[in-house]
Each structure stands twice: as structure tokens, then as C-alpha cells.
Amino acid sequence: MANVWFCFDGPEPAYGGAHYQVSVIQCIEELDLSESQLLSGLLPPRQNSSDAWRTGAIAGYKHVVVELRPDEAAAVGWMPGYYLLPLSPRQVMKRLDSR
């Protein structure tokens, strides 16, 4: 299962656990995940912002990142790592919670 993270702007984009765990195929079909959205390899991506993470947390979640571990990525022939979805956290919740 792929981890779906909601992220803040700022140097600490996420904390805690993933918001959803869904199959890679479901991420592709329901969340518009594509291979071209790779952000980084297996190290979590970091935002280039001087704002403290608390500022990002106050502003709320802004981005959605899907984490594909090596076994999950191999199932679809992609690189393992973190992928930035073209959807807002609200759009992801609407799509996944309506199933």
C-alpha cells in the first residue's frame, strides 16, 4: 500500500503518520498519480522556505505527496520515492472518502 501524505508549506512539510494507505493502482486511477510527478527518491522532500513549520501548520495542508516504497514502485515499473499529486488535500479526501 502506498502512503498518502498531506503536507504543509515550509521546512517541515509533514509530521505524524500518513493520512491514507491505498494501492498504487488506486492512486493512479483515482488520484491522477503519474510517473512524471516524482519529487525525490526515498528521502522525504523538503520545501525551500524560511518559514517555521508552525507557520505552515497554521496555514493548513497545501500539498499531497504519495510515498512509493521499492516493492510498490516495482509493481508498476516506476522509481521508488515521493510523488507530488496535482490535487489539493480537500480533493483527495473527497475522492477517497466517497468510495
Protein backbone atom coordinates (compact mmCIF):
# COMPACT_ATOMS: atom_id res chain seq x y z
CA MET A 1 0.00 0.00 0.00
CA ALA A 2 1.20 3.50 -0.85
CA ASN A 3 1.24 6.18 1.84
CA VAL A 4 -0.64 9.38 1.02
CA TRP A 5 0.66 12.36 3.00
CA PHE A 6 -0.86 15.82 3.36
CA CYS A 7 1.91 18.42 3.61
CA PHE A 8 2.43 21.97 4.78
CA ASP A 9 4.50 24.69 3.16
CA GLY A 10 7.78 25.25 4.97
CA PRO A 11 10.90 23.34 6.01
CA GLU A 12 8.96 20.64 7.88
CA PRO A 13 6.26 19.62 5.40
CA ALA A 14 4.75 16.78 7.44
CA TYR A 15 4.69 15.11 10.81
CA GLY A 16 2.80 12.19 12.23
CA GLY A 17 1.55 9.35 10.08
CA ALA A 18 0.24 9.12 6.56
CA HIS A 19 -3.37 10.23 6.08
CA TYR A 20 -4.29 7.30 3.82
CA GLN A 21 -2.87 4.00 2.68
CA VAL A 22 -4.13 2.93 -0.72
CA SER A 23 -2.95 0.74 -3.56
CA VAL A 24 -0.67 2.19 -6.22
CA ILE A 25 -3.26 1.36 -8.87
CA GLN A 26 -5.90 3.27 -6.91
CA CYS A 27 -3.53 6.26 -6.67
CA ILE A 28 -3.09 6.17 -10.44
CA GLU A 29 -6.77 5.70 -11.25
CA GLU A 30 -8.44 7.84 -8.58
CA LEU A 31 -5.81 10.43 -7.65
CA ASP A 32 -4.23 11.12 -11.06
CA LEU A 33 -0.79 9.91 -9.94
CA SER A 34 1.72 9.77 -12.79
CA GLU A 35 5.35 8.78 -13.11
CA SER A 36 6.31 12.34 -14.14
CA GLN A 37 5.35 13.68 -10.67
CA LEU A 38 8.45 12.23 -8.94
CA LEU A 39 9.76 14.74 -6.37
CA SER A 40 12.59 12.82 -4.79
CA GLY A 41 13.94 9.36 -4.14
CA LEU A 42 13.44 7.62 -0.82
CA LEU A 43 14.47 10.61 1.31
CA PRO A 44 11.45 12.79 2.16
CA PRO A 45 11.30 16.00 0.12
CA ARG A 46 11.83 19.31 1.89
CA GLN A 47 10.36 22.66 0.95
CA ASN A 48 12.72 25.61 0.43
CA SER A 49 11.08 28.11 2.72
CA SER A 50 12.34 30.23 5.60
CA ASP A 51 9.00 29.99 7.41
CA ALA A 52 8.95 27.87 10.54
CA TRP A 53 6.92 24.66 10.26
CA ARG A 54 4.47 26.10 12.74
CA THR A 55 3.57 28.80 10.23
CA GLY A 56 2.82 26.10 7.67
CA ALA A 57 0.75 24.18 10.18
CA ILE A 58 -1.32 27.25 10.99
CA ALA A 59 -1.98 27.83 7.28
CA GLY A 60 -3.10 24.22 6.90
CA TYR A 61 -2.24 21.46 4.48
CA LYS A 62 -1.41 22.64 0.96
CA HIS A 63 0.06 19.63 -0.89
CA VAL A 64 -0.41 15.90 -1.28
CA VAL A 65 2.54 13.54 -1.66
CA VAL A 66 2.39 9.81 -2.36
CA GLU A 67 5.21 7.65 -0.99
CA LEU A 68 6.04 4.58 -3.09
CA ARG A 69 8.39 2.11 -1.44
CA PRO A 70 10.55 -0.11 -3.69
CA ASP A 71 8.12 -3.05 -3.81
CA GLU A 72 5.15 -0.81 -4.62
CA ALA A 73 7.07 1.12 -7.29
CA ALA A 74 8.31 -2.10 -8.89
CA ALA A 75 4.71 -3.30 -9.26
CA VAL A 76 4.12 -0.51 -11.81
CA GLY A 77 7.70 -0.17 -13.11
CA TRP A 78 8.36 3.23 -11.51
CA MET A 79 11.15 4.63 -9.34
CA PRO A 80 10.59 4.39 -5.59
CA GLY A 81 10.20 7.73 -3.88
CA TYR A 82 7.83 10.61 -3.28
CA TYR A 83 5.38 11.87 -5.90
CA LEU A 84 3.53 15.21 -5.80
CA LEU A 85 -0.14 14.88 -6.72
CA PRO A 86 -1.85 17.56 -8.82
CA LEU A 87 -4.71 17.64 -6.28
CA SER A 88 -5.36 19.54 -3.07
CA PRO A 89 -5.83 17.69 0.22
CA ARG A 90 -9.55 18.53 0.05
CA GLN A 91 -9.85 16.96 -3.42
CA VAL A 92 -8.05 13.81 -2.26
CA MET A 93 -10.33 13.47 0.77
CA LYS A 94 -13.40 13.89 -1.41
CA ARG A 95 -12.23 11.22 -3.86
CA LEU A 96 -11.08 8.68 -1.29
CA ASP A 97 -13.83 9.18 1.26
CA SER A 98 -16.57 8.79 -1.37
CA ARG A 99 -15.61 5.22 -2.24
